[in-house]
Amino acid sequence: MTQNAPLSSFSDEELMPLYQQGELGAFDHLYERHAPQLYGYLKAHSPSRQYADDLLQICFLKLHQSRHQFSPTRPFRPWMWSI
């Protein structure tokens, strides 16, 4: 993928190294791709919608805090769900 391509055309495994290098738009795309499914899971397993909202924020905060531990040789989604 070239740097001139829109970020939406990048795979998750291509977006994470960009985010690791400070490209905040890469995080936005990862959030847009994964937040709906993760939120649905959290909502189904949480006592309230507010609790699911809080957990979703915590999950993406952990993604941010752990971003330098990601290796692009591994699939993104299992890594995200493991942190």
C-alpha atoms as a PDB file:
ATOM      1  CA  MET A   1       0.000   0.000   0.000  1.00  0.00           C
ATOM      2  CA  THR A   2       1.346   3.415  -0.831  1.00  0.00           C
ATOM      3  CA  GLN A   3       1.192   6.379   1.481  1.00  0.00           C
ATOM      4  CA  ASN A   4      -0.978   8.202  -1.111  1.00  0.00           C
ATOM      5  CA  ALA A   5      -3.761   5.631  -0.853  1.00  0.00           C
ATOM      6  CA  PRO A   6      -6.696   6.525   1.417  1.00  0.00           C
ATOM      7  CA  LEU A   7      -6.369   5.034   4.881  1.00  0.00           C
ATOM      8  CA  SER A   8      -9.687   3.259   4.417  1.00  0.00           C
ATOM      9  CA  SER A   9      -8.011   1.023   1.831  1.00  0.00           C
ATOM     10  CA  PHE A  10      -5.356  -0.146   4.304  1.00  0.00           C
ATOM     11  CA  SER A  11      -5.677  -3.416   6.180  1.00  0.00           C
ATOM     12  CA  ASP A  12      -5.691  -3.362   9.977  1.00  0.00           C
ATOM     13  CA  GLU A  13      -2.189  -4.827   9.905  1.00  0.00           C
ATOM     14  CA  GLU A  14      -1.092  -1.885   7.736  1.00  0.00           C
ATOM     15  CA  LEU A  15      -2.892   0.725   9.834  1.00  0.00           C
ATOM     16  CA  MET A  16      -1.333  -0.269  13.160  1.00  0.00           C
ATOM     17  CA  PRO A  17       2.270   0.519  12.138  1.00  0.00           C
ATOM     18  CA  LEU A  18       1.048   3.878  10.870  1.00  0.00           C
ATOM     19  CA  TYR A  19      -0.649   4.499  14.204  1.00  0.00           C
ATOM     20  CA  GLN A  20       2.514   3.392  16.015  1.00  0.00           C
ATOM     21  CA  GLN A  21       4.340   6.114  14.041  1.00  0.00           C
ATOM     22  CA  GLY A  22       1.824   8.770  15.100  1.00  0.00           C
ATOM     23  CA  GLU A  23      -0.758   8.728  12.284  1.00  0.00           C
ATOM     24  CA  LEU A  24      -3.908   9.453  14.303  1.00  0.00           C
ATOM     25  CA  GLY A  25      -6.156   8.912  11.297  1.00  0.00           C
ATOM     26  CA  ALA A  26      -5.132   5.257  11.375  1.00  0.00           C
ATOM     27  CA  PHE A  27      -6.634   4.955  14.858  1.00  0.00           C
ATOM     28  CA  ASP A  28      -9.854   6.542  13.631  1.00  0.00           C
ATOM     29  CA  HIS A  29     -10.177   3.914  10.911  1.00  0.00           C
ATOM     30  CA  LEU A  30      -9.470   1.071  13.326  1.00  0.00           C
ATOM     31  CA  TYR A  31     -12.096   2.447  15.696  1.00  0.00           C
ATOM     32  CA  GLU A  32     -14.687   2.795  12.934  1.00  0.00           C
ATOM     33  CA  ARG A  33     -14.049  -0.762  11.770  1.00  0.00           C
ATOM     34  CA  HIS A  34     -14.017  -2.531  15.105  1.00  0.00           C
ATOM     35  CA  ALA A  35     -16.061  -0.486  17.594  1.00  0.00           C
ATOM     36  CA  PRO A  36     -19.512  -1.598  16.351  1.00  0.00           C
ATOM     37  CA  GLN A  37     -18.824  -5.325  16.705  1.00  0.00           C
ATOM     38  CA  LEU A  38     -16.939  -4.908  19.972  1.00  0.00           C
ATOM     39  CA  TYR A  39     -19.709  -2.694  21.344  1.00  0.00           C
ATOM     40  CA  GLY A  40     -22.347  -5.244  20.383  1.00  0.00           C
ATOM     41  CA  TYR A  41     -20.418  -7.935  22.238  1.00  0.00           C
ATOM     42  CA  LEU A  42     -19.927  -5.727  25.295  1.00  0.00           C
ATOM     43  CA  LYS A  43     -23.573  -4.650  25.335  1.00  0.00           C
ATOM     44  CA  ALA A  44     -24.715  -8.265  25.196  1.00  0.00           C
ATOM     45  CA  HIS A  45     -22.476  -9.195  28.122  1.00  0.00           C
ATOM     46  CA  SER A  46     -22.835  -6.077  30.290  1.00  0.00           C
ATOM     47  CA  PRO A  47     -25.439  -5.213  32.918  1.00  0.00           C
ATOM     48  CA  SER A  48     -26.190  -1.850  31.291  1.00  0.00           C
ATOM     49  CA  ARG A  49     -25.599   0.206  28.191  1.00  0.00           C
ATOM     50  CA  GLN A  50     -23.584   2.743  30.208  1.00  0.00           C
ATOM     51  CA  TYR A  51     -21.287  -0.036  31.422  1.00  0.00           C
ATOM     52  CA  ALA A  52     -20.802  -1.224  27.834  1.00  0.00           C
ATOM     53  CA  ASP A  53     -20.004   2.370  26.794  1.00  0.00           C
ATOM     54  CA  ASP A  54     -17.364   2.587  29.511  1.00  0.00           C
ATOM     55  CA  LEU A  55     -15.863  -0.777  28.586  1.00  0.00           C
ATOM     56  CA  LEU A  56     -15.630   0.220  24.934  1.00  0.00           C
ATOM     57  CA  GLN A  57     -13.652   3.320  25.894  1.00  0.00           C
ATOM     58  CA  ILE A  58     -11.389   1.226  28.115  1.00  0.00           C
ATOM     59  CA  CYS A  59     -10.773  -1.271  25.298  1.00  0.00           C
ATOM     60  CA  PHE A  60      -9.642   1.423  22.888  1.00  0.00           C
ATOM     61  CA  LEU A  61      -7.594   3.114  25.603  1.00  0.00           C
ATOM     62  CA  LYS A  62      -5.810  -0.225  26.106  1.00  0.00           C
ATOM     63  CA  LEU A  63      -5.283  -0.473  22.355  1.00  0.00           C
ATOM     64  CA  HIS A  64      -3.640   2.952  22.479  1.00  0.00           C
ATOM     65  CA  GLN A  65      -1.504   2.074  25.488  1.00  0.00           C
ATOM     66  CA  SER A  66      -0.431  -1.252  23.963  1.00  0.00           C
ATOM     67  CA  ARG A  67       0.046  -0.055  20.388  1.00  0.00           C
ATOM     68  CA  HIS A  68       3.823  -0.528  20.439  1.00  0.00           C
ATOM     69  CA  GLN A  69       3.406  -4.196  21.373  1.00  0.00           C
ATOM     70  CA  PHE A  70       1.611  -4.961  18.124  1.00  0.00           C
ATOM     71  CA  SER A  71       3.568  -6.819  15.454  1.00  0.00           C
ATOM     72  CA  PRO A  72       2.309  -6.440  11.865  1.00  0.00           C
ATOM     73  CA  THR A  73       3.285 -10.061  11.223  1.00  0.00           C
ATOM     74  CA  ARG A  74       0.351 -11.139  13.406  1.00  0.00           C
ATOM     75  CA  PRO A  75      -3.360 -10.644  12.693  1.00  0.00           C
ATOM     76  CA  PHE A  76      -4.750  -7.470  14.257  1.00  0.00           C
ATOM     77  CA  ARG A  77      -8.184  -8.633  15.384  1.00  0.00           C
ATOM     78  CA  PRO A  78      -7.049 -11.487  17.700  1.00  0.00           C
ATOM     79  CA  TRP A  79      -4.408  -9.161  19.145  1.00  0.00           C
ATOM     80  CA  MET A  80      -6.996  -6.453  19.801  1.00  0.00           C
ATOM     81  CA  TRP A  81      -9.358  -8.898  21.511  1.00  0.00           C
ATOM     82  CA  SER A  82      -6.518 -10.252  23.657  1.00  0.00           C
ATOM     83  CA  ILE A  83      -5.477  -6.916  25.159  1.00  0.00           C
END
